[in-house]
């Protein structure tokens, strides 16, 4: 390098460009935001510019001096949002048979996802905000794809996307990343099984997997239609998810069953834990 001063200057210039960036954040409300907020504070301390897009009505997403907040109006009230989440949390901890639990959780999730879809539609229809995002020249987008509004924006703005998630219903994260997900070894939700199953337990696990045949369409088909309308071409949610650059999974294999991962999938389960030094 000492014999190539122009190369040294070029490397220094590239380092300067990489020193700080402009990040667009579209987060899911609630606990995902609580996990993400500390990251954003650290990014701001390192010199990055962070812009958070969020609805005016939310549970946890509030303005901060560590990032720029861009808010947009939505057609529901704070009281309606709070009541729906309280009802869902109550349902989630109720006991009962599989069918009772499934239909109650299904109904609660429907109410929650209706809020998310309405919020996304009003974001994409907000021409002034979309024009601001187009003109801001972001370097990347950080989003939780369980509600794929940020995924749609990433495609529209041609941005590399970083996904920050716990998982996606119906195994869409497995499908989008082409990770193996055999029902013989990977327990399904509500099945109360482990990764070591007898033949009959594997049959049971396979039967539990059939719920995805209609649950995925019910949950994500509206977003596919919304994305196709907004992007002005036919797309599906899986098509958009496949373009994710990095998947940051809030997994910890001490608690979760091990699963195959692709090179761009990084488990970060420890990010949910307080940074405390353990005693000897």
C-alpha atoms as a PDB file:
ATOM      1  CA  UNK A   1       0.000   0.000   0.000  1.00  0.00           C
ATOM      2  CA  UNK A   2       2.882   2.382   0.703  1.00  0.00           C
ATOM      3  CA  UNK A   3       3.858   2.077  -2.944  1.00  0.00           C
ATOM      4  CA  UNK A   4       0.351   2.959  -4.128  1.00  0.00           C
ATOM      5  CA  UNK A   5      -0.735   6.349  -2.710  1.00  0.00           C
ATOM      6  CA  UNK A   6      -3.744   6.605  -5.073  1.00  0.00           C
ATOM      7  CA  UNK A   7      -5.050   3.294  -3.725  1.00  0.00           C
ATOM      8  CA  UNK A   8      -4.673   4.515  -0.131  1.00  0.00           C
ATOM      9  CA  UNK A   9      -6.613   7.678  -0.960  1.00  0.00           C
ATOM     10  CA  UNK A  10      -9.349   5.606  -2.597  1.00  0.00           C
ATOM     11  CA  UNK A  11      -9.666   3.333   0.452  1.00  0.00           C
ATOM     12  CA  UNK A  12      -9.831   6.323   2.793  1.00  0.00           C
ATOM     13  CA  UNK A  13     -12.522   7.868   0.637  1.00  0.00           C
ATOM     14  CA  UNK A  14     -14.555   4.638   0.767  1.00  0.00           C
ATOM     15  CA  UNK A  15     -14.155   4.470   4.538  1.00  0.00           C
ATOM     16  CA  UNK A  16     -15.445   7.994   4.769  1.00  0.00           C
ATOM     17  CA  UNK A  17     -18.509   7.073   2.772  1.00  0.00           C
ATOM     18  CA  UNK A  18     -19.138   4.069   5.005  1.00  0.00           C
ATOM     19  CA  UNK A  19     -18.664   6.022   8.236  1.00  0.00           C
ATOM     20  CA  UNK A  20     -22.337   6.990   8.469  1.00  0.00           C
ATOM     21  CA  UNK A  21     -25.491   6.217   6.564  1.00  0.00           C
ATOM     22  CA  UNK A  22     -29.140   7.142   6.336  1.00  0.00           C
ATOM     23  CA  UNK A  23     -31.515   4.445   7.553  1.00  0.00           C
ATOM     24  CA  UNK A  24     -35.273   4.247   7.049  1.00  0.00           C
ATOM     25  CA  UNK A  25     -37.099   2.313   9.782  1.00  0.00           C
ATOM     26  CA  UNK A  26     -40.608   0.848   9.459  1.00  0.00           C
ATOM     27  CA  UNK A  27     -41.239  -1.090  12.664  1.00  0.00           C
ATOM     28  CA  UNK A  28     -44.071  -3.212  13.974  1.00  0.00           C
ATOM     29  CA  UNK A  29     -45.633  -1.693  17.073  1.00  0.00           C
ATOM     30  CA  UNK A  30     -45.372  -3.267  20.510  1.00  0.00           C
ATOM     31  CA  UNK A  31     -42.564  -5.540  21.694  1.00  0.00           C
ATOM     32  CA  UNK A  32     -40.646  -5.548  18.352  1.00  0.00           C
ATOM     33  CA  UNK A  33     -40.290  -1.790  18.710  1.00  0.00           C
ATOM     34  CA  UNK A  34     -39.039  -2.101  22.294  1.00  0.00           C
ATOM     35  CA  UNK A  35     -36.317  -4.472  21.073  1.00  0.00           C
ATOM     36  CA  UNK A  36     -35.425  -2.198  18.177  1.00  0.00           C
ATOM     37  CA  UNK A  37     -35.373   1.149  19.965  1.00  0.00           C
ATOM     38  CA  UNK A  38     -32.082   0.525  21.751  1.00  0.00           C
ATOM     39  CA  UNK A  39     -30.452  -0.330  18.422  1.00  0.00           C
ATOM     40  CA  UNK A  40     -31.583   2.960  16.949  1.00  0.00           C
ATOM     41  CA  UNK A  41     -30.109   4.892  19.865  1.00  0.00           C
ATOM     42  CA  UNK A  42     -26.758   3.157  19.280  1.00  0.00           C
ATOM     43  CA  UNK A  43     -26.859   3.800  15.529  1.00  0.00           C
ATOM     44  CA  UNK A  44     -27.487   7.491  16.155  1.00  0.00           C
ATOM     45  CA  UNK A  45     -24.518   7.627  18.565  1.00  0.00           C
ATOM     46  CA  UNK A  46     -22.326   6.168  15.807  1.00  0.00           C
ATOM     47  CA  UNK A  47     -23.281   9.010  13.488  1.00  0.00           C
ATOM     48  CA  UNK A  48     -26.008   7.386  11.409  1.00  0.00           C
ATOM     49  CA  UNK A  49     -29.133   9.322  10.499  1.00  0.00           C
ATOM     50  CA  UNK A  50     -32.273   7.378  11.413  1.00  0.00           C
ATOM     51  CA  UNK A  51     -35.755   8.198  10.127  1.00  0.00           C
ATOM     52  CA  UNK A  52     -38.694   6.300  11.655  1.00  0.00           C
ATOM     53  CA  UNK A  53     -42.026   6.169   9.825  1.00  0.00           C
ATOM     54  CA  UNK A  54     -44.994   5.400  12.085  1.00  0.00           C
ATOM     55  CA  UNK A  55     -48.758   6.013  12.374  1.00  0.00           C
ATOM     56  CA  UNK A  56     -49.993   8.805  14.614  1.00  0.00           C
ATOM     57  CA  UNK A  57     -51.807   6.196  16.747  1.00  0.00           C
ATOM     58  CA  UNK A  58     -49.532   3.532  18.246  1.00  0.00           C
ATOM     59  CA  UNK A  59     -48.871   1.542  21.412  1.00  0.00           C
ATOM     60  CA  UNK A  60     -45.141   2.084  21.907  1.00  0.00           C
ATOM     61  CA  UNK A  61     -43.641   4.015  18.974  1.00  0.00           C
ATOM     62  CA  UNK A  62     -43.031   7.513  20.266  1.00  0.00           C
ATOM     63  CA  UNK A  63     -40.780  10.405  19.121  1.00  0.00           C
ATOM     64  CA  UNK A  64     -37.217  10.594  20.392  1.00  0.00           C
ATOM     65  CA  UNK A  65     -34.324  13.029  20.108  1.00  0.00           C
ATOM     66  CA  UNK A  66     -32.212  10.176  18.699  1.00  0.00           C
ATOM     67  CA  UNK A  67     -34.103   9.858  15.424  1.00  0.00           C
ATOM     68  CA  UNK A  68     -36.370  11.757  13.058  1.00  0.00           C
ATOM     69  CA  UNK A  69     -40.017  10.726  13.340  1.00  0.00           C
ATOM     70  CA  UNK A  70     -42.324  10.964  10.333  1.00  0.00           C
ATOM     71  CA  UNK A  71     -45.941  10.286  11.316  1.00  0.00           C
ATOM     72  CA  UNK A  72     -49.038   9.880   9.188  1.00  0.00           C
ATOM     73  CA  UNK A  73     -52.779   9.867  10.053  1.00  0.00           C
ATOM     74  CA  UNK A  74     -54.797   6.653  10.382  1.00  0.00           C
ATOM     75  CA  UNK A  75     -58.595   6.113  10.610  1.00  0.00           C
ATOM     76  CA  UNK A  76     -58.707   4.571  14.106  1.00  0.00           C
ATOM     77  CA  UNK A  77     -58.345   5.918  17.633  1.00  0.00           C
ATOM     78  CA  UNK A  78     -55.933   5.162  20.461  1.00  0.00           C
ATOM     79  CA  UNK A  79     -58.773   3.693  22.515  1.00  0.00           C
ATOM     80  CA  UNK A  80     -59.756   1.248  19.755  1.00  0.00           C
ATOM     81  CA  UNK A  81     -56.149   0.098  19.329  1.00  0.00           C
ATOM     82  CA  UNK A  82     -55.541  -0.335  23.067  1.00  0.00           C
ATOM     83  CA  UNK A  83     -58.754  -2.296  23.575  1.00  0.00           C
ATOM     84  CA  UNK A  84     -57.986  -4.728  20.734  1.00  0.00           C
ATOM     85  CA  UNK A  85     -54.500  -5.502  22.041  1.00  0.00           C
ATOM     86  CA  UNK A  86     -55.752  -6.007  25.604  1.00  0.00           C
ATOM     87  CA  UNK A  87     -58.386  -8.443  24.370  1.00  0.00           C
ATOM     88  CA  UNK A  88     -55.834 -10.351  22.303  1.00  0.00           C
ATOM     89  CA  UNK A  89     -53.368 -10.693  25.193  1.00  0.00           C
ATOM     90  CA  UNK A  90     -56.185 -12.009  27.397  1.00  0.00           C
ATOM     91  CA  UNK A  91     -57.101 -14.611  24.761  1.00  0.00           C
ATOM     92  CA  UNK A  92     -53.476 -15.679  24.250  1.00  0.00           C
ATOM     93  CA  UNK A  93     -53.153 -16.841  27.879  1.00  0.00           C
ATOM     94  CA  UNK A  94     -56.469 -18.672  28.098  1.00  0.00           C
ATOM     95  CA  UNK A  95     -56.451 -22.453  28.350  1.00  0.00           C
ATOM     96  CA  UNK A  96     -58.597 -24.876  26.394  1.00  0.00           C
ATOM     97  CA  UNK A  97     -58.596 -27.337  23.529  1.00  0.00           C
ATOM     98  CA  UNK A  98     -56.670 -26.738  20.346  1.00  0.00           C
ATOM     99  CA  UNK A  99     -59.790 -25.742  18.403  1.00  0.00           C
ATOM    100  CA  UNK A 100     -60.918 -23.298  21.092  1.00  0.00           C
ATOM    101  CA  UNK A 101     -57.481 -21.708  21.341  1.00  0.00           C
ATOM    102  CA  UNK A 102     -56.973 -21.647  17.569  1.00  0.00           C
ATOM    103  CA  UNK A 103     -60.244 -19.883  16.723  1.00  0.00           C
ATOM    104  CA  UNK A 104     -59.912 -17.389  19.565  1.00  0.00           C
ATOM    105  CA  UNK A 105     -56.338 -16.521  18.613  1.00  0.00           C
ATOM    106  CA  UNK A 106     -57.362 -16.431  14.944  1.00  0.00           C
ATOM    107  CA  UNK A 107     -60.119 -13.919  15.686  1.00  0.00           C
ATOM    108  CA  UNK A 108     -57.809 -11.809  17.854  1.00  0.00           C
ATOM    109  CA  UNK A 109     -55.094 -11.816  15.204  1.00  0.00           C
ATOM    110  CA  UNK A 110     -57.634 -10.755  12.590  1.00  0.00           C
ATOM    111  CA  UNK A 111     -58.476  -7.630  14.579  1.00  0.00           C
ATOM    112  CA  UNK A 112     -54.797  -6.821  15.120  1.00  0.00           C
ATOM    113  CA  UNK A 113     -53.836  -7.363  11.473  1.00  0.00           C
ATOM    114  CA  UNK A 114     -56.763  -5.192  10.356  1.00  0.00           C
ATOM    115  CA  UNK A 115     -55.141  -2.283  12.194  1.00  0.00           C
ATOM    116  CA  UNK A 116     -51.775  -3.044  10.589  1.00  0.00           C
ATOM    117  CA  UNK A 117     -53.241  -3.299   7.100  1.00  0.00           C
ATOM    118  CA  UNK A 118     -55.214  -0.084   7.491  1.00  0.00           C
ATOM    119  CA  UNK A 119     -52.060   1.681   8.709  1.00  0.00           C
ATOM    120  CA  UNK A 120     -50.062   0.378   5.745  1.00  0.00           C
ATOM    121  CA  UNK A 121     -52.679   1.418   3.203  1.00  0.00           C
ATOM    122  CA  UNK A 122     -52.792   4.949   4.573  1.00  0.00           C
ATOM    123  CA  UNK A 123     -49.005   5.149   4.548  1.00  0.00           C
ATOM    124  CA  UNK A 124     -48.763   4.117   0.897  1.00  0.00           C
ATOM    125  CA  UNK A 125     -51.614   6.462  -0.044  1.00  0.00           C
ATOM    126  CA  UNK A 126     -49.930   9.428   1.683  1.00  0.00           C
ATOM    127  CA  UNK A 127     -48.413  11.013  -1.423  1.00  0.00           C
ATOM    128  CA  UNK A 128     -46.631  13.765   0.479  1.00  0.00           C
ATOM    129  CA  UNK A 129     -44.851  11.299   2.779  1.00  0.00           C
ATOM    130  CA  UNK A 130     -43.991   8.935  -0.091  1.00  0.00           C
ATOM    131  CA  UNK A 131     -42.517  11.862  -2.031  1.00  0.00           C
ATOM    132  CA  UNK A 132     -40.395  12.759   1.017  1.00  0.00           C
ATOM    133  CA  UNK A 133     -39.113   9.177   1.256  1.00  0.00           C
ATOM    134  CA  UNK A 134     -38.301   9.128  -2.471  1.00  0.00           C
ATOM    135  CA  UNK A 135     -36.314  12.370  -2.193  1.00  0.00           C
ATOM    136  CA  UNK A 136     -34.435  11.412   0.992  1.00  0.00           C
ATOM    137  CA  UNK A 137     -31.973   8.999  -0.657  1.00  0.00           C
ATOM    138  CA  UNK A 138     -31.808   6.398   2.095  1.00  0.00           C
ATOM    139  CA  UNK A 139     -29.033   3.798   2.164  1.00  0.00           C
ATOM    140  CA  UNK A 140     -31.158   0.940   3.554  1.00  0.00           C
ATOM    141  CA  UNK A 141     -34.421   0.087   5.259  1.00  0.00           C
ATOM    142  CA  UNK A 142     -34.827  -1.737   8.579  1.00  0.00           C
ATOM    143  CA  UNK A 143     -38.215  -3.399   9.057  1.00  0.00           C
ATOM    144  CA  UNK A 144     -40.122  -6.295  10.591  1.00  0.00           C
ATOM    145  CA  UNK A 145     -41.651  -8.186   7.648  1.00  0.00           C
ATOM    146  CA  UNK A 146     -44.404  -9.832   9.674  1.00  0.00           C
ATOM    147  CA  UNK A 147     -46.406  -6.784   8.523  1.00  0.00           C
ATOM    148  CA  UNK A 148     -44.869  -6.310   5.077  1.00  0.00           C
ATOM    149  CA  UNK A 149     -45.434  -2.583   4.623  1.00  0.00           C
ATOM    150  CA  UNK A 150     -41.707  -1.878   4.967  1.00  0.00           C
ATOM    151  CA  UNK A 151     -41.017  -4.668   2.470  1.00  0.00           C
ATOM    152  CA  UNK A 152     -43.273  -2.935  -0.069  1.00  0.00           C
ATOM    153  CA  UNK A 153     -41.517   0.382   0.539  1.00  0.00           C
ATOM    154  CA  UNK A 154     -38.107  -1.247   0.106  1.00  0.00           C
ATOM    155  CA  UNK A 155     -39.140  -2.466  -3.341  1.00  0.00           C
ATOM    156  CA  UNK A 156     -40.588   0.908  -4.323  1.00  0.00           C
ATOM    157  CA  UNK A 157     -37.502   2.827  -3.146  1.00  0.00           C
ATOM    158  CA  UNK A 158     -35.049   0.173  -4.484  1.00  0.00           C
ATOM    159  CA  UNK A 159     -33.389  -0.122  -1.067  1.00  0.00           C
ATOM    160  CA  UNK A 160     -31.474  -3.040   0.442  1.00  0.00           C
ATOM    161  CA  UNK A 161     -33.566  -4.326   3.334  1.00  0.00           C
ATOM    162  CA  UNK A 162     -32.611  -5.606   6.771  1.00  0.00           C
ATOM    163  CA  UNK A 163     -35.327  -7.699   8.431  1.00  0.00           C
ATOM    164  CA  UNK A 164     -35.651  -7.681  12.218  1.00  0.00           C
ATOM    165  CA  UNK A 165     -38.113 -10.393  13.254  1.00  0.00           C
ATOM    166  CA  UNK A 166     -39.102 -13.270  15.508  1.00  0.00           C
ATOM    167  CA  UNK A 167     -40.793 -15.200  12.733  1.00  0.00           C
ATOM    168  CA  UNK A 168     -43.594 -15.012  10.163  1.00  0.00           C
ATOM    169  CA  UNK A 169     -46.866 -16.957  10.369  1.00  0.00           C
ATOM    170  CA  UNK A 170     -47.363 -19.850   7.959  1.00  0.00           C
ATOM    171  CA  UNK A 171     -43.611 -20.385   7.621  1.00  0.00           C
ATOM    172  CA  UNK A 172     -43.239 -17.680   4.972  1.00  0.00           C
ATOM    173  CA  UNK A 173     -39.779 -16.918   6.331  1.00  0.00           C
ATOM    174  CA  UNK A 174     -38.769 -20.531   5.581  1.00  0.00           C
ATOM    175  CA  UNK A 175     -40.278 -20.322   2.096  1.00  0.00           C
ATOM    176  CA  UNK A 176     -38.740 -16.954   1.240  1.00  0.00           C
ATOM    177  CA  UNK A 177     -35.255 -17.998   2.373  1.00  0.00           C
ATOM    178  CA  UNK A 178     -35.597 -21.564   1.024  1.00  0.00           C
ATOM    179  CA  UNK A 179     -34.707 -23.030   4.416  1.00  0.00           C
ATOM    180  CA  UNK A 180     -35.771 -26.655   4.963  1.00  0.00           C
ATOM    181  CA  UNK A 181     -38.885 -26.884   7.140  1.00  0.00           C
ATOM    182  CA  UNK A 182     -39.919 -30.575   7.233  1.00  0.00           C
ATOM    183  CA  UNK A 183     -42.911 -31.399   9.477  1.00  0.00           C
ATOM    184  CA  UNK A 184     -41.073 -34.578  10.502  1.00  0.00           C
ATOM    185  CA  UNK A 185     -38.593 -32.527  12.540  1.00  0.00           C
ATOM    186  CA  UNK A 186     -39.832 -28.917  12.942  1.00  0.00           C
ATOM    187  CA  UNK A 187     -42.737 -28.625  15.444  1.00  0.00           C
ATOM    188  CA  UNK A 188     -45.703 -26.499  14.290  1.00  0.00           C
ATOM    189  CA  UNK A 189     -47.473 -23.892  16.362  1.00  0.00           C
ATOM    190  CA  UNK A 190     -50.049 -25.131  18.900  1.00  0.00           C
ATOM    191  CA  UNK A 191     -48.935 -28.747  18.325  1.00  0.00           C
ATOM    192  CA  UNK A 192     -47.209 -29.059  21.754  1.00  0.00           C
ATOM    193  CA  UNK A 193     -44.519 -31.274  20.194  1.00  0.00           C
ATOM    194  CA  UNK A 194     -40.730 -31.343  20.309  1.00  0.00           C
ATOM    195  CA  UNK A 195     -38.198 -31.980  17.539  1.00  0.00           C
ATOM    196  CA  UNK A 196     -38.167 -35.665  18.540  1.00  0.00           C
ATOM    197  CA  UNK A 197     -41.451 -37.225  17.411  1.00  0.00           C
ATOM    198  CA  UNK A 198     -42.901 -40.683  16.981  1.00  0.00           C
ATOM    199  CA  UNK A 199     -44.568 -41.581  13.678  1.00  0.00           C
ATOM    200  CA  UNK A 200     -48.042 -40.703  14.963  1.00  0.00           C
ATOM    201  CA  UNK A 201     -46.747 -37.403  16.362  1.00  0.00           C
ATOM    202  CA  UNK A 202     -45.273 -36.587  12.936  1.00  0.00           C
ATOM    203  CA  UNK A 203     -48.666 -37.272  11.365  1.00  0.00           C
ATOM    204  CA  UNK A 204     -50.240 -34.945  13.938  1.00  0.00           C
ATOM    205  CA  UNK A 205     -47.620 -32.292  13.169  1.00  0.00           C
ATOM    206  CA  UNK A 206     -48.371 -32.590   9.451  1.00  0.00           C
ATOM    207  CA  UNK A 207     -52.088 -32.138  10.112  1.00  0.00           C
ATOM    208  CA  UNK A 208     -51.372 -29.004  12.129  1.00  0.00           C
ATOM    209  CA  UNK A 209     -49.444 -27.700   9.113  1.00  0.00           C
ATOM    210  CA  UNK A 210     -52.597 -27.755   6.949  1.00  0.00           C
ATOM    211  CA  UNK A 211     -53.858 -24.595   8.673  1.00  0.00           C
ATOM    212  CA  UNK A 212     -51.254 -22.689   6.656  1.00  0.00           C
ATOM    213  CA  UNK A 213     -53.121 -23.495   3.434  1.00  0.00           C
ATOM    214  CA  UNK A 214     -55.750 -20.873   4.252  1.00  0.00           C
ATOM    215  CA  UNK A 215     -54.117 -18.859   7.046  1.00  0.00           C
ATOM    216  CA  UNK A 216     -51.390 -17.491   4.753  1.00  0.00           C
ATOM    217  CA  UNK A 217     -53.868 -16.408   2.111  1.00  0.00           C
ATOM    218  CA  UNK A 218     -56.087 -14.823   4.728  1.00  0.00           C
ATOM    219  CA  UNK A 219     -53.226 -12.918   6.347  1.00  0.00           C
ATOM    220  CA  UNK A 220     -51.020 -11.887   3.446  1.00  0.00           C
ATOM    221  CA  UNK A 221     -53.184 -11.872   0.303  1.00  0.00           C
ATOM    222  CA  UNK A 222     -54.471  -8.347   1.093  1.00  0.00           C
ATOM    223  CA  UNK A 223     -50.855  -7.144   1.232  1.00  0.00           C
ATOM    224  CA  UNK A 224     -50.111  -8.817  -2.108  1.00  0.00           C
ATOM    225  CA  UNK A 225     -53.020  -6.933  -3.680  1.00  0.00           C
ATOM    226  CA  UNK A 226     -51.987  -3.683  -1.997  1.00  0.00           C
ATOM    227  CA  UNK A 227     -48.371  -4.107  -3.164  1.00  0.00           C
ATOM    228  CA  UNK A 228     -49.464  -4.901  -6.721  1.00  0.00           C
ATOM    229  CA  UNK A 229     -51.652  -1.814  -6.763  1.00  0.00           C
ATOM    230  CA  UNK A 230     -48.944   0.423  -5.305  1.00  0.00           C
ATOM    231  CA  UNK A 231     -46.043  -0.937  -7.393  1.00  0.00           C
ATOM    232  CA  UNK A 232     -48.261  -1.157 -10.495  1.00  0.00           C
ATOM    233  CA  UNK A 233     -47.268  -4.728 -11.299  1.00  0.00           C
ATOM    234  CA  UNK A 234     -48.299  -8.168 -10.087  1.00  0.00           C
ATOM    235  CA  UNK A 235     -46.301  -9.268  -7.033  1.00  0.00           C
ATOM    236  CA  UNK A 236     -46.775 -11.482  -3.985  1.00  0.00           C
ATOM    237  CA  UNK A 237     -45.530 -11.039  -0.447  1.00  0.00           C
ATOM    238  CA  UNK A 238     -43.178 -14.009  -0.879  1.00  0.00           C
ATOM    239  CA  UNK A 239     -41.710 -12.395  -4.018  1.00  0.00           C
ATOM    240  CA  UNK A 240     -40.881  -9.291  -2.001  1.00  0.00           C
ATOM    241  CA  UNK A 241     -39.593 -11.187   1.049  1.00  0.00           C
ATOM    242  CA  UNK A 242     -37.090 -13.070  -1.112  1.00  0.00           C
ATOM    243  CA  UNK A 243     -35.300  -9.781  -1.798  1.00  0.00           C
ATOM    244  CA  UNK A 244     -34.314  -9.286   1.843  1.00  0.00           C
ATOM    245  CA  UNK A 245     -30.585  -8.631   2.185  1.00  0.00           C
ATOM    246  CA  UNK A 246     -30.130  -9.640   5.840  1.00  0.00           C
ATOM    247  CA  UNK A 247     -32.480 -11.495   8.177  1.00  0.00           C
ATOM    248  CA  UNK A 248     -31.876 -10.712  11.855  1.00  0.00           C
ATOM    249  CA  UNK A 249     -33.857 -13.406  13.708  1.00  0.00           C
ATOM    250  CA  UNK A 250     -34.655 -12.806  17.369  1.00  0.00           C
ATOM    251  CA  UNK A 251     -33.949 -16.494  17.983  1.00  0.00           C
ATOM    252  CA  UNK A 252     -31.909 -18.160  20.681  1.00  0.00           C
ATOM    253  CA  UNK A 253     -31.247 -21.852  20.204  1.00  0.00           C
ATOM    254  CA  UNK A 254     -31.045 -22.297  23.968  1.00  0.00           C
ATOM    255  CA  UNK A 255     -34.820 -21.722  23.938  1.00  0.00           C
ATOM    256  CA  UNK A 256     -35.782 -22.467  20.305  1.00  0.00           C
ATOM    257  CA  UNK A 257     -35.324 -25.706  18.408  1.00  0.00           C
ATOM    258  CA  UNK A 258     -32.277 -25.600  16.092  1.00  0.00           C
ATOM    259  CA  UNK A 259     -33.120 -25.042  12.431  1.00  0.00           C
ATOM    260  CA  UNK A 260     -31.151 -24.696   9.198  1.00  0.00           C
ATOM    261  CA  UNK A 261     -30.078 -21.139   8.391  1.00  0.00           C
ATOM    262  CA  UNK A 262     -28.959 -19.472   5.183  1.00  0.00           C
ATOM    263  CA  UNK A 263     -25.777 -17.324   5.164  1.00  0.00           C
ATOM    264  CA  UNK A 264     -27.757 -14.064   5.307  1.00  0.00           C
ATOM    265  CA  UNK A 265     -29.743 -15.194   8.380  1.00  0.00           C
ATOM    266  CA  UNK A 266     -28.247 -14.159  11.727  1.00  0.00           C
ATOM    267  CA  UNK A 267     -29.758 -15.274  15.072  1.00  0.00           C
ATOM    268  CA  UNK A 268     -29.691 -12.384  17.555  1.00  0.00           C
ATOM    269  CA  UNK A 269     -31.781 -13.737  20.424  1.00  0.00           C
ATOM    270  CA  UNK A 270     -29.498 -12.104  22.959  1.00  0.00           C
ATOM    271  CA  UNK A 271     -30.616  -8.681  21.731  1.00  0.00           C
ATOM    272  CA  UNK A 272     -33.803  -9.167  23.754  1.00  0.00           C
ATOM    273  CA  UNK A 273     -31.923  -9.623  27.030  1.00  0.00           C
ATOM    274  CA  UNK A 274     -30.717  -6.968  29.433  1.00  0.00           C
ATOM    275  CA  UNK A 275     -26.964  -6.386  29.287  1.00  0.00           C
ATOM    276  CA  UNK A 276     -26.064  -7.542  32.794  1.00  0.00           C
ATOM    277  CA  UNK A 277     -22.845  -9.230  33.836  1.00  0.00           C
ATOM    278  CA  UNK A 278     -23.539 -12.707  35.181  1.00  0.00           C
ATOM    279  CA  UNK A 279     -22.010 -13.789  38.500  1.00  0.00           C
ATOM    280  CA  UNK A 280     -19.380 -16.519  38.426  1.00  0.00           C
END
